[in-house]
Protein backbone atom coordinates (compact mmCIF):
# COMPACT_ATOMS: atom_id res chain seq x y z
CA MET A 1 138.53 98.35 123.02
CA ARG A 2 135.39 100.29 123.93
CA GLN A 3 132.68 98.13 125.49
CA ILE A 4 129.04 98.62 124.41
CA THR A 5 126.45 98.47 127.19
CA VAL A 6 123.03 96.95 126.68
CA THR A 7 121.44 100.41 127.16
CA GLU A 8 123.59 101.87 124.38
CA HIS A 9 122.64 98.93 122.18
CA LEU A 10 118.94 99.47 122.89
CA LEU A 11 119.16 103.19 122.12
CA LEU A 12 120.96 102.48 118.85
CA HIS A 13 118.19 100.10 117.77
CA GLN A 14 115.57 102.61 118.91
CA LYS A 15 116.97 105.15 116.46
CA LEU A 16 116.45 102.65 113.64
CA SER A 17 112.70 102.59 114.32
CA PRO A 18 110.80 105.67 113.08
CA THR A 19 107.89 104.96 115.44
CA ALA A 20 109.99 104.51 118.60
CA THR A 21 108.71 106.38 121.67
CA GLY A 22 111.27 105.28 124.25
CA GLN A 23 108.72 103.21 126.18
CA PHE A 24 110.19 99.93 124.98
CA THR A 25 113.69 100.95 126.09
CA SER A 26 112.30 101.90 129.51
CA LEU A 27 110.59 98.52 129.72
CA LEU A 28 113.78 96.58 129.02
CA ASN A 29 115.82 98.75 131.38
CA GLU A 30 113.42 97.96 134.22
CA LEU A 31 113.54 94.27 133.35
CA ILE A 32 117.34 94.40 133.32
CA LEU A 33 117.34 95.97 136.78
CA ALA A 34 115.05 93.20 138.06
CA ALA A 35 117.44 90.61 136.59
CA LYS A 36 120.41 92.24 138.33
CA ILE A 37 118.60 91.96 141.65
CA ILE A 38 117.72 88.31 140.99
CA SER A 39 121.30 87.59 139.90
CA ARG A 40 122.62 89.05 143.14
CA GLU A 41 120.35 86.78 145.20
CA VAL A 42 121.13 83.71 143.08
CA ASN A 43 124.86 84.27 143.57
CA LYS A 44 124.54 84.37 147.35
CA ALA A 45 121.75 81.80 147.63
CA GLY A 46 123.99 79.31 149.37
CA LEU A 47 124.90 81.86 152.03
CA VAL A 48 121.44 82.96 153.14
CA ASP A 49 118.20 81.25 154.09
CA ILE A 50 116.64 81.60 150.65
CA LEU A 51 116.95 78.09 149.27
CA GLY A 52 114.32 75.42 149.65
CA TYR A 53 110.55 75.33 149.32
CA THR A 54 107.93 77.79 150.55
CA GLY A 55 105.48 74.97 151.31
CA GLU A 56 103.14 76.21 148.56
CA THR A 57 102.44 74.96 145.05
CA ASN A 58 102.00 77.02 141.91
CA ILE A 59 99.19 76.59 139.38
CA GLN A 60 101.21 73.87 137.65
CA GLY A 61 101.05 71.74 140.80
CA GLU A 62 104.79 72.22 141.37
CA GLU A 63 106.31 73.15 144.72
CA VAL A 64 107.34 76.81 144.77
CA GLN A 65 110.92 77.39 145.80
CA ARG A 66 111.80 80.44 147.84
CA LEU A 67 114.03 81.89 145.16
CA ASP A 68 111.21 81.33 142.63
CA GLU A 69 108.90 83.38 144.80
CA PHE A 70 111.52 86.10 145.28
CA ALA A 71 112.21 86.38 141.53
CA ASN A 72 108.50 86.53 140.76
CA ARG A 73 107.92 89.32 143.31
CA VAL A 74 110.91 91.35 142.12
CA ILE A 75 109.80 91.31 138.48
CA ILE A 76 106.19 92.20 139.29
CA HIS A 77 107.26 94.97 141.69
CA ARG A 78 109.62 96.58 139.17
CA MET A 79 107.49 96.15 136.08
CA GLU A 80 104.11 97.27 137.43
CA ARG A 81 105.70 100.63 138.28
CA ALA A 82 107.47 101.07 134.93
CA GLY A 83 104.56 102.94 133.33
CA VAL A 84 104.84 100.98 130.07
CA LEU A 85 102.84 97.79 130.75
CA CYS A 86 99.12 97.15 130.58
CA ALA A 87 99.36 93.69 132.21
CA MET A 88 101.68 90.76 132.87
CA ALA A 89 101.54 86.98 132.93
CA SER A 90 103.81 84.76 135.01
CA GLU A 91 104.33 81.03 135.09
CA GLU A 92 103.51 81.28 138.79
CA HIS A 93 100.04 82.85 138.31
CA ALA A 94 96.92 81.28 136.82
CA ASP A 95 95.44 84.58 135.66
CA LEU A 96 96.57 87.87 134.15
CA ILE A 97 98.39 90.21 136.50
CA GLN A 98 96.73 93.59 136.07
CA VAL A 99 98.74 96.78 136.60
CA PRO A 100 97.17 98.52 139.63
CA GLN A 101 95.13 101.64 138.91
CA ARG A 102 97.51 103.83 140.94
CA PHE A 103 100.30 103.26 138.41
CA PRO A 104 100.48 104.68 134.86
CA LYS A 105 99.94 102.16 132.08
CA GLY A 106 101.35 101.54 128.62
CA GLN A 107 100.49 99.31 125.70
CA TYR A 108 103.01 96.52 126.26
CA PHE A 109 102.26 93.10 127.73
CA LEU A 110 104.99 91.07 129.48
CA VAL A 111 105.01 87.28 129.83
CA PHE A 112 107.75 85.70 131.94
CA ASP A 113 109.05 82.62 133.67
CA PRO A 114 110.73 84.16 136.73
CA LEU A 115 113.17 81.34 137.42
CA ASP A 116 113.34 78.53 134.90
CA GLY A 117 115.18 75.42 136.07
CA SER A 118 114.67 76.23 139.75
CA SER A 119 114.50 72.56 140.74
CA ASN A 120 118.28 72.59 140.13
CA ILE A 121 119.00 75.53 142.44
CA GLU A 122 120.52 73.53 145.28
CA ALA A 123 122.80 71.67 142.84
CA ASN A 124 124.25 75.00 141.67
CA VAL A 125 123.11 74.39 138.07
CA SER A 126 122.55 77.37 135.77
CA ILE A 127 119.01 78.73 135.92
CA GLY A 128 117.37 81.67 134.19
CA THR A 129 114.57 84.15 133.60
CA ILE A 130 112.71 83.94 130.27
CA PHE A 131 110.67 86.86 128.97
CA SER A 132 108.42 87.77 126.07
CA ILE A 133 106.98 91.16 125.12
CA TYR A 134 103.84 91.89 123.06
CA ARG A 135 101.78 94.95 122.25
CA ARG A 136 98.26 94.90 123.58
CA ILE A 137 95.49 94.59 121.01
CA GLU A 138 93.38 97.73 121.30
CA GLY A 139 90.20 97.42 123.37
CA THR A 140 87.45 99.59 124.73
CA SER A 141 88.14 99.00 128.41
CA ASP A 142 90.98 100.12 130.64
CA GLN A 143 90.91 96.63 132.16
CA VAL A 144 92.96 94.27 130.00
CA GLU A 145 91.06 91.26 128.73
CA LEU A 146 92.67 87.92 127.95
CA ALA A 147 91.72 88.13 124.27
CA GLN A 148 93.81 91.29 123.94
CA VAL A 149 97.03 89.58 124.95
CA LEU A 150 96.65 85.99 123.72
CA GLN A 151 98.74 86.33 120.57
CA LYS A 152 100.84 83.88 118.60
CA GLY A 153 104.58 84.05 119.00
CA ALA A 154 105.07 85.66 115.60
CA GLU A 155 103.52 88.82 117.11
CA GLN A 156 106.22 89.22 119.75
CA VAL A 157 107.89 92.62 119.89
CA ALA A 158 110.88 91.16 121.69
CA ALA A 159 111.97 88.07 123.58
CA GLY A 160 114.95 86.90 125.54
CA TYR A 161 116.35 85.41 128.69
CA PHE A 162 118.82 85.97 131.50
CA ILE A 163 120.94 82.99 132.49
CA TYR A 164 122.51 82.92 135.95
CA GLY A 165 125.57 80.70 135.82
CA SER A 166 129.32 81.20 136.17
CA SER A 167 128.46 84.63 134.81
CA THR A 168 125.09 86.33 134.26
CA VAL A 169 124.24 86.66 130.58
CA MET A 170 121.35 88.39 128.83
CA VAL A 171 120.32 87.25 125.35
CA TYR A 172 117.57 89.10 123.51
CA SER A 173 116.07 89.90 120.12
CA THR A 174 113.78 92.63 118.86
CA GLY A 175 113.48 91.03 115.43
CA ARG A 176 116.86 92.33 114.22
CA GLY A 177 119.09 89.41 115.09
CA VAL A 178 120.15 88.01 118.45
CA HIS A 179 122.64 89.63 120.79
CA GLY A 180 124.18 88.56 124.09
CA PHE A 181 125.48 90.67 126.96
CA THR A 182 127.47 89.58 130.01
CA LEU A 183 127.07 91.30 133.37
CA ASP A 184 130.29 92.88 134.62
CA PRO A 185 129.74 92.90 138.40
CA SER A 186 132.53 95.43 138.93
CA VAL A 187 130.54 98.15 137.13
CA GLY A 188 127.04 96.66 137.31
CA GLU A 189 126.53 96.79 133.54
CA PHE A 190 125.65 94.24 130.88
CA LEU A 191 128.34 94.52 128.19
CA LEU A 192 128.05 93.23 124.63
CA SER A 193 129.80 89.86 124.51
CA HIS A 194 127.97 87.94 121.75
CA SER A 195 127.12 90.10 118.74
CA ASP A 196 124.70 88.80 116.10
CA ILE A 197 124.54 85.21 117.35
CA LYS A 198 124.01 82.56 114.67
CA ILE A 199 123.24 78.97 115.57
CA PRO A 200 125.05 76.40 113.38
CA GLU A 201 122.75 74.99 110.69
CA GLN A 202 123.49 71.49 111.99
CA GLY A 203 124.63 70.68 115.50
CA LYS A 204 126.39 67.82 117.24
CA ILE A 205 124.32 67.73 120.44
CA TYR A 206 120.86 66.40 121.25
CA SER A 207 119.22 67.22 124.57
CA VAL A 208 116.35 65.11 125.88
CA ASN A 209 115.45 63.09 128.96
CA GLU A 210 115.70 59.55 127.58
CA ALA A 211 114.42 58.08 130.85
CA TYR A 212 110.93 58.73 129.45
CA TRP A 213 111.55 56.58 126.36
CA ASN A 214 108.85 54.06 127.27
CA TYR A 215 106.28 56.86 127.60
CA TRP A 216 106.89 58.22 124.06
CA ASP A 217 104.99 57.32 120.92
CA GLY A 218 106.70 55.66 117.94
CA ALA A 219 107.36 58.91 116.05
CA THR A 220 109.12 60.42 119.06
CA GLN A 221 111.25 57.32 119.54
CA ARG A 222 112.24 57.39 115.85
CA ALA A 223 113.05 61.10 116.04
CA VAL A 224 115.36 60.60 119.01
CA SER A 225 116.92 57.44 117.57
CA ILE A 226 118.17 59.22 114.46
CA PHE A 227 120.62 61.27 116.54
CA LYS A 228 122.14 58.05 117.91
CA ASP A 229 122.55 56.46 114.50
CA PRO A 230 125.94 57.17 112.85
CA ASN A 231 124.52 55.90 109.55
CA SER A 232 121.49 58.21 109.46
CA ASP A 233 121.09 60.75 106.69
CA LEU A 234 122.19 63.42 109.16
CA GLY A 235 125.63 61.95 108.52
CA GLN A 236 127.00 61.84 112.04
CA LEU A 237 126.63 60.58 115.58
CA TYR A 238 125.45 63.19 118.09
CA SER A 239 126.44 63.59 121.75
CA LEU A 240 123.77 63.56 124.45
CA ARG A 241 123.91 66.61 126.71
CA TYR A 242 120.95 67.16 129.04
CA ILE A 243 121.09 69.49 132.03
CA GLY A 244 117.36 69.53 132.77
CA SER A 245 117.26 73.32 132.93
CA LEU A 246 115.59 74.54 129.72
CA VAL A 247 117.34 77.89 129.55
CA ALA A 248 120.75 76.29 130.21
CA ASP A 249 120.29 73.52 127.63
CA PHE A 250 118.98 76.04 125.09
CA HIS A 251 121.80 78.54 125.66
CA ARG A 252 124.50 75.90 125.14
CA ASN A 253 122.86 74.62 121.96
CA LEU A 254 122.33 78.16 120.65
CA LEU A 255 126.06 78.80 120.84
CA TYR A 256 127.39 75.37 119.82
CA GLY A 257 124.59 73.96 117.68
CA GLY A 258 122.20 71.17 118.54
CA VAL A 259 118.58 70.39 119.34
CA PHE A 260 116.57 70.42 122.57
CA MET A 261 113.55 68.12 122.77
CA TYR A 262 110.70 68.01 125.24
CA PRO A 263 108.09 65.79 123.58
CA ILE A 264 104.73 64.61 124.89
CA ASP A 265 104.97 61.68 127.23
CA TYR A 266 102.10 59.64 128.56
CA ARG A 267 102.92 59.48 132.26
CA ASP A 268 100.47 62.23 133.23
CA PRO A 269 97.04 62.29 131.54
CA LYS A 270 96.53 65.81 132.95
CA LYS A 271 99.23 67.09 130.56
CA PRO A 272 98.16 65.81 127.12
CA ARG A 273 100.20 68.51 125.35
CA GLY A 274 103.45 68.09 127.23
CA LYS A 275 105.01 70.08 130.05
CA LEU A 276 106.47 73.31 128.65
CA ARG A 277 104.37 76.49 128.48
CA LEU A 278 103.77 77.99 125.06
CA LEU A 279 103.72 81.66 126.04
CA CYS A 280 106.39 81.97 128.72
CA GLU A 281 108.87 79.33 127.55
CA ALA A 282 108.42 77.98 124.01
CA SER A 283 107.45 81.17 122.13
CA PRO A 284 110.20 83.48 123.45
CA LEU A 285 112.94 80.91 122.87
CA SER A 286 111.50 80.17 119.43
CA MET A 287 111.77 83.83 118.47
CA ILE A 288 115.39 83.80 119.62
CA VAL A 289 116.28 80.64 117.71
CA GLU A 290 114.58 81.75 114.48
CA GLN A 291 116.32 85.12 114.61
CA ALA A 292 119.59 83.21 115.02
CA GLY A 293 118.86 81.06 111.94
CA GLY A 294 117.41 78.04 113.73
CA MET A 295 113.97 76.46 113.96
CA ALA A 296 111.31 75.48 116.52
CA THR A 297 108.32 73.15 116.15
CA ASP A 298 105.86 71.13 118.18
CA GLY A 299 106.54 68.31 115.75
CA VAL A 300 104.01 69.47 113.17
CA ASN A 301 103.54 73.24 113.50
CA ASN A 302 106.10 76.00 113.81
CA ILE A 303 105.88 77.24 117.40
CA LEU A 304 105.57 80.90 116.38
CA ASP A 305 102.48 80.12 114.28
CA ILE A 306 100.48 78.50 117.09
CA GLU A 307 97.45 80.54 118.23
CA PRO A 308 97.25 80.27 122.03
CA GLN A 309 93.85 79.42 123.47
CA GLU A 310 94.73 79.87 127.12
CA LEU A 311 97.31 81.64 129.23
CA GLN A 312 99.08 78.55 130.55
CA GLN A 313 98.81 76.45 127.39
CA ARG A 314 101.41 73.71 127.08
CA THR A 315 103.20 72.40 124.02
CA PRO A 316 105.77 69.82 122.93
CA LEU A 317 108.99 71.55 121.88
CA PHE A 318 111.78 70.68 119.44
CA ILE A 319 114.13 73.63 119.10
CA GLY A 320 117.63 74.30 117.80
CA SER A 321 119.68 73.96 114.63
CA LYS A 322 117.55 74.15 111.49
CA LYS A 323 118.68 70.89 109.85
CA ASP A 324 118.20 68.90 113.06
CA VAL A 325 114.72 70.27 113.83
CA ALA A 326 113.63 69.92 110.20
CA LYS A 327 114.51 66.23 110.35
CA ILE A 328 112.37 65.76 113.46
CA LYS A 329 109.47 67.58 111.78
CA GLU A 330 109.85 65.35 108.72
CA ILE A 331 109.55 62.23 110.90
CA TYR A 332 106.42 63.52 112.63
CA GLN A 333 104.81 64.48 109.32
CA GLN A 334 105.55 61.02 107.89
CA ASN A 335 103.87 59.53 110.96
CA GLU A 336 100.74 61.68 110.39
CA VAL A 337 100.53 60.65 106.74
CA GLY A 338 101.13 57.02 107.60
């Protein structure tokens, strides 16, 4: 059977768009190359002095791990030279990353989390790179302004992630379904392995850190409780599966069905909207799940409809199978009315 590479898949979809210029394909090809480099380092991380902390903290107040820093540098280095971006935003940077004047620019804007789940690196848990692509809103200056790139998730041109586990997998969508590709290390190519992914309408898994139960409000506790109640109107008892690596939990639930939850908790008053970042984590995964037939909400609003007000804006996230997420949203809406 002939294997389809991700590049062939991209070119096929490019032909379906009458306005395609080839810039978008170049963008994704550069991103794929960066992911291959990161994958190589992740796979040998236990053999070289790349694990551990740099001694620095990122803008989130989290210690930066060496592999985090490496992944961040690789993506910026590759993408600023691609000639298709006007600017970038990374989880590791407080401000926009401008493309230097010496490099040609394009009209695309890239948002990324270079290494999601990196706190699990030394435990050999699957980690990943999450990305989101927008078109810049036209402006009068060559310098990109924040207002030109702060767009709601519904405006994404494409989104996806690379997951580095027992194999390296790329999952992406350009608004025409969701497709997965597995890296064949013998030829260095991502080959189509999951065509037109559809998440089950109802799952059997719920993913949440229940250790924070006492820090949740009543609506959140009721929303989680329903998955543990065999007599609920969902009609079944769910299994708890929580890795603590967003991209790994999401990927499993995307394939098998289920819901991932990261609600607001009240441990840290500095994070009144939760922990996860809207632009580099919630929005790209929400595009993926909606294209696969699922749903994503902050409890009240659909994630893709939220207008970001700042680059590192945080949000609660409930994402996964449509029936499961809809039930959570129903509980939160009842709480607002009550």
